[in-house]
N, C-alpha and C. Protein backbone atom coordinates (compact mmCIF):
# COMPACT_ATOMS: atom_id res chain seq x y z
N MET A 1 0.85 -1.18 0.00
CA MET A 1 0.01 0.00 0.02
C MET A 1 0.89 1.27 0.01
N GLN A 2 0.55 2.16 -0.85
CA GLN A 2 1.34 3.42 -0.94
C GLN A 2 0.95 4.40 0.14
N LEU A 3 1.83 5.28 0.53
CA LEU A 3 1.59 6.23 1.55
C LEU A 3 0.33 7.09 1.33
N ASP A 4 0.14 7.55 0.09
CA ASP A 4 -1.00 8.34 -0.26
C ASP A 4 -2.30 7.56 0.00
N ASP A 5 -2.28 6.29 -0.30
CA ASP A 5 -3.50 5.46 -0.02
C ASP A 5 -3.77 5.39 1.47
N LEU A 6 -2.68 5.19 2.23
CA LEU A 6 -2.83 5.12 3.68
C LEU A 6 -3.36 6.42 4.27
N TYR A 7 -2.81 7.54 3.78
CA TYR A 7 -3.31 8.85 4.19
C TYR A 7 -4.78 9.02 3.87
N ARG A 8 -5.20 8.63 2.65
CA ARG A 8 -6.62 8.72 2.28
C ARG A 8 -7.49 7.92 3.23
N GLN A 9 -7.00 6.69 3.64
CA GLN A 9 -7.78 5.86 4.50
C GLN A 9 -7.90 6.50 5.89
N VAL A 10 -6.87 7.11 6.36
CA VAL A 10 -6.89 7.82 7.71
C VAL A 10 -7.91 8.94 7.63
N ILE A 11 -7.89 9.75 6.58
CA ILE A 11 -8.78 10.88 6.42
C ILE A 11 -10.25 10.39 6.35
N MET A 12 -10.47 9.36 5.55
CA MET A 12 -11.82 8.85 5.37
C MET A 12 -12.32 8.22 6.69
N ASP A 13 -11.48 7.57 7.44
CA ASP A 13 -11.85 7.00 8.72
C ASP A 13 -12.34 8.09 9.67
N HIS A 14 -11.56 9.18 9.77
CA HIS A 14 -11.93 10.29 10.64
C HIS A 14 -13.24 10.97 10.15
N TYR A 15 -13.40 11.05 8.87
CA TYR A 15 -14.59 11.66 8.29
C TYR A 15 -15.87 10.80 8.56
N GLN A 16 -15.71 9.47 8.37
CA GLN A 16 -16.83 8.59 8.55
C GLN A 16 -17.13 8.24 9.98
N HIS A 17 -16.10 8.32 10.84
CA HIS A 17 -16.21 7.95 12.23
C HIS A 17 -15.55 9.06 13.10
N PRO A 18 -16.09 10.25 13.10
CA PRO A 18 -15.42 11.39 13.77
C PRO A 18 -15.28 11.17 15.27
N ARG A 19 -14.15 11.55 15.79
CA ARG A 19 -13.90 11.46 17.22
C ARG A 19 -14.24 12.79 17.86
N ASN A 20 -14.71 12.71 19.11
CA ASN A 20 -15.01 13.90 19.90
C ASN A 20 -16.06 14.77 19.31
N GLN A 21 -17.02 14.17 18.61
CA GLN A 21 -18.11 14.91 18.07
C GLN A 21 -19.21 15.04 19.12
N GLY A 22 -19.82 16.19 19.19
CA GLY A 22 -20.90 16.42 20.13
C GLY A 22 -20.69 17.72 20.93
N SER A 23 -21.22 17.76 22.11
CA SER A 23 -21.18 19.02 22.90
C SER A 23 -20.66 18.74 24.34
N ILE A 24 -20.11 19.78 24.89
CA ILE A 24 -19.69 19.74 26.30
C ILE A 24 -20.79 20.44 27.12
N GLU A 25 -21.30 19.73 28.10
CA GLU A 25 -22.27 20.34 29.01
C GLU A 25 -21.56 21.25 29.98
N GLY A 26 -22.17 22.37 30.27
CA GLY A 26 -21.61 23.29 31.31
C GLY A 26 -20.76 24.41 30.66
N ASP A 27 -19.81 24.82 31.48
CA ASP A 27 -19.06 26.07 31.18
C ASP A 27 -17.85 25.75 30.30
N ALA A 28 -18.03 25.78 29.01
CA ALA A 28 -16.92 25.52 28.08
C ALA A 28 -16.80 26.72 27.11
N LEU A 29 -15.62 27.00 26.61
CA LEU A 29 -15.42 27.98 25.60
C LEU A 29 -16.05 27.46 24.32
N SER A 30 -16.73 28.30 23.59
CA SER A 30 -17.41 27.87 22.39
C SER A 30 -17.17 28.87 21.27
N VAL A 31 -16.87 28.33 20.11
CA VAL A 31 -16.57 29.17 18.94
C VAL A 31 -17.30 28.58 17.74
N ASP A 32 -17.99 29.48 16.98
CA ASP A 32 -18.65 29.06 15.74
C ASP A 32 -17.88 29.70 14.60
N LEU A 33 -17.48 28.92 13.63
CA LEU A 33 -16.81 29.46 12.42
C LEU A 33 -17.44 28.89 11.17
N ARG A 34 -17.34 29.60 10.10
CA ARG A 34 -17.84 29.15 8.81
C ARG A 34 -16.85 29.55 7.78
N ASN A 35 -16.63 28.67 6.80
CA ASN A 35 -15.78 28.96 5.67
C ASN A 35 -16.73 29.45 4.52
N PRO A 36 -16.77 30.74 4.29
CA PRO A 36 -17.75 31.25 3.32
C PRO A 36 -17.49 30.77 1.87
N SER A 37 -16.24 30.37 1.59
CA SER A 37 -15.96 30.01 0.21
C SER A 37 -16.50 28.63 -0.16
N CYS A 38 -16.77 27.79 0.89
CA CYS A 38 -17.28 26.44 0.55
C CYS A 38 -18.46 26.04 1.43
N GLY A 39 -18.73 26.75 2.51
CA GLY A 39 -19.86 26.41 3.34
C GLY A 39 -19.57 25.52 4.53
N ASP A 40 -18.32 25.08 4.72
CA ASP A 40 -17.98 24.30 5.89
C ASP A 40 -18.34 25.09 7.16
N GLU A 41 -18.85 24.45 8.14
CA GLU A 41 -19.19 25.06 9.42
C GLU A 41 -18.71 24.22 10.57
N ILE A 42 -18.28 24.87 11.64
CA ILE A 42 -17.90 24.16 12.84
C ILE A 42 -18.24 24.96 14.09
N THR A 43 -18.70 24.21 15.11
CA THR A 43 -18.77 24.76 16.44
C THR A 43 -17.81 23.96 17.28
N LEU A 44 -16.86 24.63 17.84
CA LEU A 44 -15.83 23.97 18.70
C LEU A 44 -16.04 24.39 20.14
N GLN A 45 -16.03 23.42 21.00
CA GLN A 45 -16.13 23.67 22.45
C GLN A 45 -14.84 23.15 23.09
N LEU A 46 -14.34 23.94 24.02
CA LEU A 46 -13.06 23.63 24.68
C LEU A 46 -13.22 23.83 26.17
N LEU A 47 -12.79 22.80 26.90
CA LEU A 47 -12.82 22.89 28.39
C LEU A 47 -11.34 22.84 28.80
N VAL A 48 -10.89 23.99 29.37
CA VAL A 48 -9.54 24.14 29.83
C VAL A 48 -9.56 24.18 31.33
N ASN A 49 -8.73 23.34 31.98
CA ASN A 49 -8.73 23.29 33.44
C ASN A 49 -7.85 24.42 34.02
N ALA A 50 -7.79 24.53 35.31
CA ALA A 50 -7.08 25.59 36.01
C ALA A 50 -5.58 25.55 35.75
N GLN A 51 -5.07 24.36 35.38
CA GLN A 51 -3.63 24.21 35.06
C GLN A 51 -3.33 24.58 33.60
N GLY A 52 -4.36 24.98 32.85
CA GLY A 52 -4.12 25.31 31.44
C GLY A 52 -4.06 24.17 30.52
N VAL A 53 -4.67 23.02 30.86
CA VAL A 53 -4.65 21.84 30.05
C VAL A 53 -6.03 21.65 29.39
N VAL A 54 -6.05 21.29 28.14
CA VAL A 54 -7.30 21.02 27.44
C VAL A 54 -7.83 19.71 28.02
N GLU A 55 -8.86 19.88 28.88
CA GLU A 55 -9.45 18.75 29.54
C GLU A 55 -10.38 18.00 28.60
N ASP A 56 -11.13 18.74 27.81
CA ASP A 56 -12.09 18.15 26.88
C ASP A 56 -12.26 19.07 25.69
N VAL A 57 -12.51 18.50 24.55
CA VAL A 57 -12.73 19.29 23.32
C VAL A 57 -13.73 18.49 22.45
N ARG A 58 -14.75 19.19 21.97
CA ARG A 58 -15.81 18.59 21.15
C ARG A 58 -16.06 19.52 19.99
N PHE A 59 -16.64 18.91 18.92
CA PHE A 59 -17.06 19.74 17.77
C PHE A 59 -18.34 19.24 17.21
N ARG A 60 -19.07 20.11 16.60
CA ARG A 60 -20.22 19.81 15.76
C ARG A 60 -19.99 20.60 14.46
N GLY A 61 -20.47 20.04 13.39
CA GLY A 61 -20.35 20.81 12.17
C GLY A 61 -20.75 20.03 10.96
N SER A 62 -20.59 20.68 9.83
CA SER A 62 -20.85 20.05 8.59
C SER A 62 -19.86 20.60 7.53
N GLY A 63 -19.55 19.73 6.62
CA GLY A 63 -18.62 20.17 5.61
C GLY A 63 -18.02 18.99 4.86
N CYS A 64 -17.00 19.30 4.11
CA CYS A 64 -16.33 18.26 3.31
C CYS A 64 -15.53 17.31 4.15
N SER A 65 -15.07 16.26 3.54
CA SER A 65 -14.31 15.21 4.28
C SER A 65 -13.03 15.81 4.86
N ILE A 66 -12.38 16.73 4.20
CA ILE A 66 -11.13 17.32 4.68
C ILE A 66 -11.40 18.14 5.99
N SER A 67 -12.43 18.97 5.91
CA SER A 67 -12.80 19.80 7.05
C SER A 67 -13.15 19.00 8.28
N MET A 68 -14.04 17.99 8.10
CA MET A 68 -14.53 17.23 9.21
C MET A 68 -13.45 16.27 9.77
N ALA A 69 -12.63 15.71 8.86
CA ALA A 69 -11.56 14.83 9.34
C ALA A 69 -10.52 15.63 10.10
N SER A 70 -10.20 16.82 9.59
CA SER A 70 -9.23 17.71 10.30
C SER A 70 -9.73 18.04 11.69
N ALA A 71 -11.05 18.35 11.83
CA ALA A 71 -11.59 18.66 13.16
C ALA A 71 -11.49 17.48 14.05
N SER A 72 -11.80 16.32 13.57
CA SER A 72 -11.73 15.09 14.36
C SER A 72 -10.29 14.81 14.81
N MET A 73 -9.37 14.94 13.89
CA MET A 73 -7.95 14.69 14.16
C MET A 73 -7.39 15.73 15.11
N MET A 74 -7.80 17.00 14.98
CA MET A 74 -7.33 18.05 15.86
C MET A 74 -7.81 17.76 17.29
N THR A 75 -9.08 17.38 17.45
CA THR A 75 -9.58 17.17 18.84
C THR A 75 -8.81 16.04 19.51
N GLU A 76 -8.54 14.97 18.73
CA GLU A 76 -7.75 13.92 19.36
C GLU A 76 -6.32 14.35 19.73
N ALA A 77 -5.72 15.18 18.92
CA ALA A 77 -4.37 15.61 19.11
C ALA A 77 -4.21 16.53 20.33
N VAL A 78 -5.18 17.45 20.54
CA VAL A 78 -5.02 18.47 21.60
C VAL A 78 -5.63 18.07 22.91
N LYS A 79 -6.46 17.04 22.96
CA LYS A 79 -7.11 16.67 24.22
C LYS A 79 -6.01 16.16 25.19
N GLY A 80 -5.97 16.78 26.35
CA GLY A 80 -4.97 16.42 27.36
C GLY A 80 -3.69 17.21 27.24
N MET A 81 -3.63 18.14 26.29
CA MET A 81 -2.42 18.88 26.01
C MET A 81 -2.49 20.23 26.72
N PRO A 82 -1.39 20.74 27.21
CA PRO A 82 -1.39 22.15 27.71
C PRO A 82 -1.72 23.09 26.54
N VAL A 83 -2.46 24.16 26.83
CA VAL A 83 -2.87 25.08 25.80
C VAL A 83 -1.72 25.60 24.98
N ASP A 84 -0.60 25.98 25.63
CA ASP A 84 0.54 26.49 24.88
C ASP A 84 1.05 25.48 23.86
N LYS A 85 1.06 24.19 24.21
CA LYS A 85 1.49 23.17 23.29
C LYS A 85 0.50 22.96 22.14
N ALA A 86 -0.81 23.08 22.51
CA ALA A 86 -1.85 23.00 21.44
C ALA A 86 -1.70 24.11 20.41
N LEU A 87 -1.39 25.33 20.92
CA LEU A 87 -1.17 26.43 20.00
C LEU A 87 0.09 26.23 19.16
N GLU A 88 1.09 25.64 19.76
CA GLU A 88 2.33 25.36 19.01
C GLU A 88 2.00 24.30 17.92
N LEU A 89 1.22 23.30 18.24
CA LEU A 89 0.85 22.29 17.28
C LEU A 89 0.03 22.95 16.16
N SER A 90 -0.85 23.84 16.51
CA SER A 90 -1.67 24.59 15.55
C SER A 90 -0.78 25.35 14.54
N LYS A 91 0.21 26.04 15.08
CA LYS A 91 1.19 26.75 14.28
C LYS A 91 1.90 25.83 13.28
N GLU A 92 2.33 24.68 13.80
CA GLU A 92 3.04 23.72 12.92
C GLU A 92 2.09 23.15 11.86
N PHE A 93 0.82 22.92 12.29
CA PHE A 93 -0.14 22.39 11.31
C PHE A 93 -0.38 23.34 10.18
N ARG A 94 -0.56 24.65 10.55
CA ARG A 94 -0.81 25.67 9.57
C ARG A 94 0.44 25.84 8.64
N ALA A 95 1.61 25.69 9.19
CA ALA A 95 2.81 25.74 8.35
C ALA A 95 2.83 24.54 7.38
N MET A 96 2.47 23.36 7.91
CA MET A 96 2.40 22.16 7.03
C MET A 96 1.39 22.39 5.89
N MET A 97 0.33 23.13 6.16
CA MET A 97 -0.63 23.43 5.10
C MET A 97 -0.08 24.35 4.04
N ARG A 98 1.02 25.07 4.37
CA ARG A 98 1.68 25.95 3.41
C ARG A 98 2.87 25.18 2.79
N GLY A 99 3.00 23.89 3.06
CA GLY A 99 4.00 23.06 2.47
C GLY A 99 5.29 23.03 3.24
N VAL A 100 5.39 23.59 4.46
CA VAL A 100 6.54 23.59 5.27
C VAL A 100 6.58 22.36 6.18
N PRO A 101 7.60 21.54 6.11
CA PRO A 101 7.67 20.34 6.95
C PRO A 101 7.67 20.72 8.41
N PRO A 102 7.01 19.88 9.25
CA PRO A 102 6.99 20.18 10.73
C PRO A 102 8.41 20.17 11.31
N GLU A 103 8.59 21.11 12.27
CA GLU A 103 9.88 21.21 12.96
C GLU A 103 9.77 20.54 14.32
N GLU A 104 10.49 19.45 14.53
CA GLU A 104 10.59 18.82 15.83
C GLU A 104 9.27 18.56 16.52
N VAL A 105 8.16 18.50 15.76
CA VAL A 105 6.90 18.17 16.35
C VAL A 105 6.38 16.90 15.68
N ASP A 106 5.99 15.94 16.51
CA ASP A 106 5.39 14.73 15.94
C ASP A 106 3.97 15.03 15.58
N MET A 107 3.66 15.05 14.32
CA MET A 107 2.29 15.37 13.84
C MET A 107 1.36 14.18 13.95
N GLY A 108 1.88 12.98 14.13
CA GLY A 108 1.05 11.82 14.21
C GLY A 108 0.16 11.68 13.00
N GLU A 109 -1.11 11.38 13.24
CA GLU A 109 -2.05 11.15 12.12
C GLU A 109 -2.30 12.45 11.33
N LEU A 110 -2.05 13.61 11.94
CA LEU A 110 -2.26 14.88 11.24
C LEU A 110 -1.46 14.94 9.98
N GLU A 111 -0.35 14.21 9.90
CA GLU A 111 0.47 14.24 8.71
C GLU A 111 -0.29 13.70 7.46
N ALA A 112 -1.34 12.95 7.72
CA ALA A 112 -2.18 12.48 6.65
C ALA A 112 -2.76 13.62 5.81
N LEU A 113 -2.93 14.76 6.44
CA LEU A 113 -3.50 15.95 5.77
C LEU A 113 -2.42 16.74 5.04
N SER A 114 -1.18 16.38 5.07
CA SER A 114 -0.11 17.20 4.46
C SER A 114 -0.30 17.39 2.97
N GLY A 115 -0.90 16.43 2.32
CA GLY A 115 -1.14 16.52 0.86
C GLY A 115 -2.06 17.63 0.48
N VAL A 116 -2.90 18.12 1.44
CA VAL A 116 -3.83 19.21 1.18
C VAL A 116 -3.07 20.48 0.73
N SER A 117 -1.82 20.60 1.12
CA SER A 117 -1.01 21.81 0.79
C SER A 117 -0.91 21.96 -0.75
N LYS A 118 -1.08 20.87 -1.49
CA LYS A 118 -1.00 20.93 -2.94
C LYS A 118 -2.26 21.48 -3.61
N PHE A 119 -3.30 21.67 -2.78
CA PHE A 119 -4.56 22.14 -3.29
C PHE A 119 -5.01 23.37 -2.53
N PRO A 120 -4.55 24.54 -2.95
CA PRO A 120 -4.80 25.79 -2.18
C PRO A 120 -6.26 26.03 -1.82
N ALA A 121 -7.18 25.64 -2.67
CA ALA A 121 -8.59 25.87 -2.36
C ALA A 121 -9.05 25.03 -1.17
N ARG A 122 -8.35 23.95 -0.84
CA ARG A 122 -8.75 23.09 0.23
C ARG A 122 -8.09 23.42 1.57
N ILE A 123 -7.07 24.26 1.55
CA ILE A 123 -6.34 24.58 2.78
C ILE A 123 -7.28 25.19 3.81
N LYS A 124 -8.19 26.05 3.40
CA LYS A 124 -9.16 26.65 4.33
C LYS A 124 -10.03 25.58 4.96
N CYS A 125 -10.34 24.53 4.24
CA CYS A 125 -11.13 23.42 4.80
C CYS A 125 -10.34 22.72 5.91
N ALA A 126 -9.11 22.49 5.69
CA ALA A 126 -8.26 21.77 6.63
C ALA A 126 -7.95 22.62 7.86
N THR A 127 -7.91 23.94 7.73
CA THR A 127 -7.50 24.77 8.86
C THR A 127 -8.66 25.38 9.63
N LEU A 128 -9.93 25.16 9.22
CA LEU A 128 -11.06 25.74 9.89
C LEU A 128 -11.14 25.39 11.40
N ALA A 129 -11.00 24.12 11.73
CA ALA A 129 -11.03 23.68 13.10
C ALA A 129 -9.87 24.29 13.92
N TRP A 130 -8.74 24.41 13.30
CA TRP A 130 -7.57 24.98 13.97
C TRP A 130 -7.78 26.48 14.22
N GLN A 131 -8.41 27.17 13.29
CA GLN A 131 -8.73 28.56 13.49
C GLN A 131 -9.69 28.71 14.68
N ALA A 132 -10.63 27.78 14.78
CA ALA A 132 -11.61 27.82 15.90
C ALA A 132 -10.86 27.60 17.25
N LEU A 133 -9.90 26.67 17.24
CA LEU A 133 -9.11 26.41 18.46
C LEU A 133 -8.39 27.68 18.85
N GLU A 134 -7.71 28.32 17.94
CA GLU A 134 -6.96 29.53 18.25
C GLU A 134 -7.89 30.64 18.76
N LYS A 135 -9.05 30.79 18.11
CA LYS A 135 -10.03 31.82 18.51
C LYS A 135 -10.57 31.54 19.88
N ALA A 136 -10.81 30.30 20.23
CA ALA A 136 -11.33 29.91 21.56
C ALA A 136 -10.31 30.27 22.60
N VAL A 137 -9.05 29.95 22.39
CA VAL A 137 -7.97 30.20 23.30
C VAL A 137 -7.82 31.74 23.51
N ARG A 138 -7.87 32.47 22.40
CA ARG A 138 -7.76 33.95 22.45
C ARG A 138 -8.90 34.53 23.27
N SER A 139 -10.11 34.00 23.13
CA SER A 139 -11.25 34.54 23.81
C SER A 139 -11.11 34.23 25.32
N GLU A 140 -10.52 33.12 25.66
CA GLU A 140 -10.26 32.81 27.06
C GLU A 140 -9.26 33.77 27.67
N ASP A 141 -8.18 34.06 26.91
CA ASP A 141 -7.15 35.01 27.36
C ASP A 141 -7.74 36.36 27.57
N GLU A 142 -8.63 36.80 26.69
CA GLU A 142 -9.27 38.13 26.78
C GLU A 142 -10.20 38.21 27.98
N ALA A 143 -10.82 37.08 28.36
CA ALA A 143 -11.78 37.07 29.46
C ALA A 143 -11.05 37.15 30.82
N GLU A 144 -9.79 36.78 30.86
CA GLU A 144 -9.08 36.81 32.11
C GLU A 144 -8.56 38.12 32.50
């Protein structure tokens, strides 16, 4: 099996069986974003504990396979991670979407989305959930 085929399988698995889909009950940060160019939508909820660790993260949304798979993969990657590390991972992911190889960060399954960088129109699809993560963290910082 070629690497591209494996990557496609990982993306389709996350699209067809999304992880961390749903809502967080109670006091969670919530961000709604929409990609106007294609109609992808996401609501991301983030629960950060007093130590600054992403305790839980959930999403609801609709969109293409790239957008929904990226949201599923992102939630798995950042759950249990300190917020500063999650933002660092987001920065590396966005760089990967511009074709820049990750620096000293294990991207894990997220690397399956690296091929999206060859399709500029799809980059916004892949980064929508990450933009929501960054916006949620910024809104928490502003509230403090």
